Amino acid sequence: MKFKIDENLPVEISEMLIDADYNSKTVNDQKLQGSKDSAIIEICKSEQRVLITCRS
């Protein structure tokens, strides 16, 4: 399973997933900070990733 961790979460979440043998990237890894949610969702779809985010 592949994950993308949103910029509003600690990067350690991605590191924990990688340590557990999951494929994980952060929004920051891919220089997508500040991108609209709709753009990030489309990228996740194209990469077949599950977006993990926090709504406040």
N, C-alpha and C. Protein backbone atom coordinates (compact mmCIF):
# COMPACT_ATOMS: atom_id res chain seq x y z
N MET A 1 0.84 -1.16 0.00
CA MET A 1 0.00 0.00 0.00
C MET A 1 0.90 1.24 0.00
N LYS A 2 0.48 2.28 -0.71
CA LYS A 2 1.27 3.50 -0.82
C LYS A 2 0.51 4.67 -0.17
N PHE A 3 1.28 5.51 0.54
CA PHE A 3 0.70 6.61 1.28
C PHE A 3 1.35 7.94 0.91
N LYS A 4 0.58 9.02 1.05
CA LYS A 4 1.12 10.37 0.99
C LYS A 4 0.68 11.06 2.26
N ILE A 5 1.65 11.67 2.97
CA ILE A 5 1.38 12.34 4.23
C ILE A 5 1.29 13.84 3.95
N ASP A 6 0.17 14.43 4.35
CA ASP A 6 -0.06 15.84 4.10
C ASP A 6 0.88 16.70 4.93
N GLU A 7 1.04 17.95 4.50
CA GLU A 7 1.99 18.85 5.15
C GLU A 7 1.56 19.26 6.56
N ASN A 8 0.32 19.01 6.94
CA ASN A 8 -0.15 19.39 8.27
C ASN A 8 0.10 18.29 9.31
N LEU A 9 0.85 17.27 8.94
CA LEU A 9 1.20 16.18 9.85
C LEU A 9 2.72 16.07 9.98
N PRO A 10 3.19 15.52 11.08
CA PRO A 10 4.64 15.36 11.25
C PRO A 10 5.22 14.36 10.23
N VAL A 11 6.41 14.67 9.75
CA VAL A 11 7.07 13.78 8.79
C VAL A 11 7.39 12.42 9.41
N GLU A 12 7.42 12.36 10.73
CA GLU A 12 7.70 11.10 11.41
C GLU A 12 6.67 10.03 11.08
N ILE A 13 5.48 10.44 10.74
CA ILE A 13 4.45 9.46 10.34
C ILE A 13 4.92 8.71 9.10
N SER A 14 5.43 9.45 8.13
CA SER A 14 5.96 8.81 6.92
C SER A 14 7.13 7.90 7.25
N GLU A 15 8.00 8.36 8.14
CA GLU A 15 9.15 7.55 8.53
C GLU A 15 8.71 6.25 9.21
N MET A 16 7.68 6.32 10.05
CA MET A 16 7.17 5.11 10.70
C MET A 16 6.60 4.13 9.68
N LEU A 17 5.88 4.66 8.68
CA LEU A 17 5.33 3.79 7.64
C LEU A 17 6.44 3.13 6.83
N ILE A 18 7.47 3.91 6.50
CA ILE A 18 8.61 3.35 5.75
C ILE A 18 9.29 2.26 6.57
N ASP A 19 9.46 2.51 7.87
CA ASP A 19 10.07 1.50 8.75
C ASP A 19 9.25 0.22 8.80
N ALA A 20 7.93 0.35 8.56
CA ALA A 20 7.04 -0.82 8.56
C ALA A 20 6.90 -1.40 7.15
N ASP A 21 7.81 -1.01 6.26
CA ASP A 21 7.86 -1.53 4.88
C ASP A 21 6.72 -1.07 3.97
N TYR A 22 6.17 0.13 4.26
CA TYR A 22 5.20 0.73 3.36
C TYR A 22 5.89 1.78 2.50
N ASN A 23 5.32 2.04 1.36
CA ASN A 23 5.80 3.08 0.47
C ASN A 23 5.12 4.38 0.89
N SER A 24 5.89 5.34 1.37
CA SER A 24 5.32 6.58 1.88
C SER A 24 6.12 7.78 1.41
N LYS A 25 5.42 8.80 0.99
CA LYS A 25 6.00 10.09 0.60
C LYS A 25 5.24 11.17 1.33
N THR A 26 5.90 12.28 1.56
CA THR A 26 5.20 13.42 2.14
C THR A 26 4.96 14.46 1.06
N VAL A 27 4.00 15.33 1.32
CA VAL A 27 3.74 16.45 0.42
C VAL A 27 5.03 17.26 0.28
N ASN A 28 5.75 17.43 1.39
CA ASN A 28 7.00 18.18 1.36
C ASN A 28 8.07 17.49 0.51
N ASP A 29 8.15 16.17 0.57
CA ASP A 29 9.13 15.42 -0.24
C ASP A 29 8.98 15.77 -1.72
N GLN A 30 7.75 15.97 -2.13
CA GLN A 30 7.47 16.19 -3.54
C GLN A 30 7.25 17.66 -3.88
N LYS A 31 7.66 18.55 -2.94
CA LYS A 31 7.59 20.01 -3.16
C LYS A 31 6.17 20.47 -3.52
N LEU A 32 5.18 19.91 -2.83
CA LEU A 32 3.78 20.25 -3.09
C LEU A 32 3.18 21.12 -1.99
N GLN A 33 4.02 21.67 -1.09
CA GLN A 33 3.52 22.50 -0.02
C GLN A 33 2.69 23.65 -0.59
N GLY A 34 1.58 23.92 0.04
CA GLY A 34 0.73 25.02 -0.38
C GLY A 34 -0.17 24.72 -1.57
N SER A 35 -0.07 23.52 -2.12
CA SER A 35 -0.92 23.14 -3.26
C SER A 35 -2.36 22.99 -2.80
N LYS A 36 -3.27 23.24 -3.69
CA LYS A 36 -4.69 23.06 -3.38
C LYS A 36 -4.97 21.59 -3.10
N ASP A 37 -5.92 21.36 -2.19
CA ASP A 37 -6.29 19.98 -1.85
C ASP A 37 -6.68 19.19 -3.09
N SER A 38 -7.41 19.83 -3.98
CA SER A 38 -7.86 19.13 -5.19
C SER A 38 -6.68 18.66 -6.04
N ALA A 39 -5.61 19.45 -6.10
CA ALA A 39 -4.42 19.05 -6.86
C ALA A 39 -3.73 17.87 -6.19
N ILE A 40 -3.62 17.92 -4.86
CA ILE A 40 -2.97 16.82 -4.14
C ILE A 40 -3.77 15.54 -4.28
N ILE A 41 -5.08 15.65 -4.23
CA ILE A 41 -5.94 14.47 -4.40
C ILE A 41 -5.74 13.86 -5.78
N GLU A 42 -5.66 14.68 -6.81
CA GLU A 42 -5.44 14.17 -8.17
C GLU A 42 -4.09 13.48 -8.29
N ILE A 43 -3.07 14.05 -7.65
CA ILE A 43 -1.75 13.43 -7.67
C ILE A 43 -1.79 12.08 -6.95
N CYS A 44 -2.48 12.04 -5.82
CA CYS A 44 -2.62 10.77 -5.08
C CYS A 44 -3.31 9.72 -5.94
N LYS A 45 -4.34 10.13 -6.66
CA LYS A 45 -5.03 9.18 -7.55
C LYS A 45 -4.08 8.65 -8.62
N SER A 46 -3.31 9.55 -9.23
CA SER A 46 -2.42 9.12 -10.31
C SER A 46 -1.29 8.23 -9.79
N GLU A 47 -0.87 8.46 -8.54
CA GLU A 47 0.18 7.65 -7.92
C GLU A 47 -0.37 6.44 -7.18
N GLN A 48 -1.69 6.32 -7.13
CA GLN A 48 -2.37 5.27 -6.38
C GLN A 48 -1.93 5.25 -4.92
N ARG A 49 -1.99 6.44 -4.31
CA ARG A 49 -1.62 6.61 -2.90
C ARG A 49 -2.84 6.98 -2.08
N VAL A 50 -2.80 6.59 -0.83
CA VAL A 50 -3.81 6.98 0.15
C VAL A 50 -3.30 8.25 0.83
N LEU A 51 -4.10 9.30 0.82
CA LEU A 51 -3.72 10.55 1.47
C LEU A 51 -4.07 10.48 2.95
N ILE A 52 -3.10 10.78 3.79
CA ILE A 52 -3.34 10.86 5.22
C ILE A 52 -3.20 12.33 5.60
N THR A 53 -4.24 12.89 6.16
CA THR A 53 -4.26 14.30 6.51
C THR A 53 -4.97 14.48 7.84
N CYS A 54 -4.91 15.70 8.35
CA CYS A 54 -5.59 16.03 9.60
C CYS A 54 -6.44 17.26 9.35
N ARG A 55 -7.66 17.14 9.69
CA ARG A 55 -8.58 18.26 9.51
C ARG A 55 -8.72 18.97 10.85
N SER A 56 -8.51 20.29 10.85
CA SER A 56 -8.61 21.01 12.11
C SER A 56 -9.75 22.00 12.11
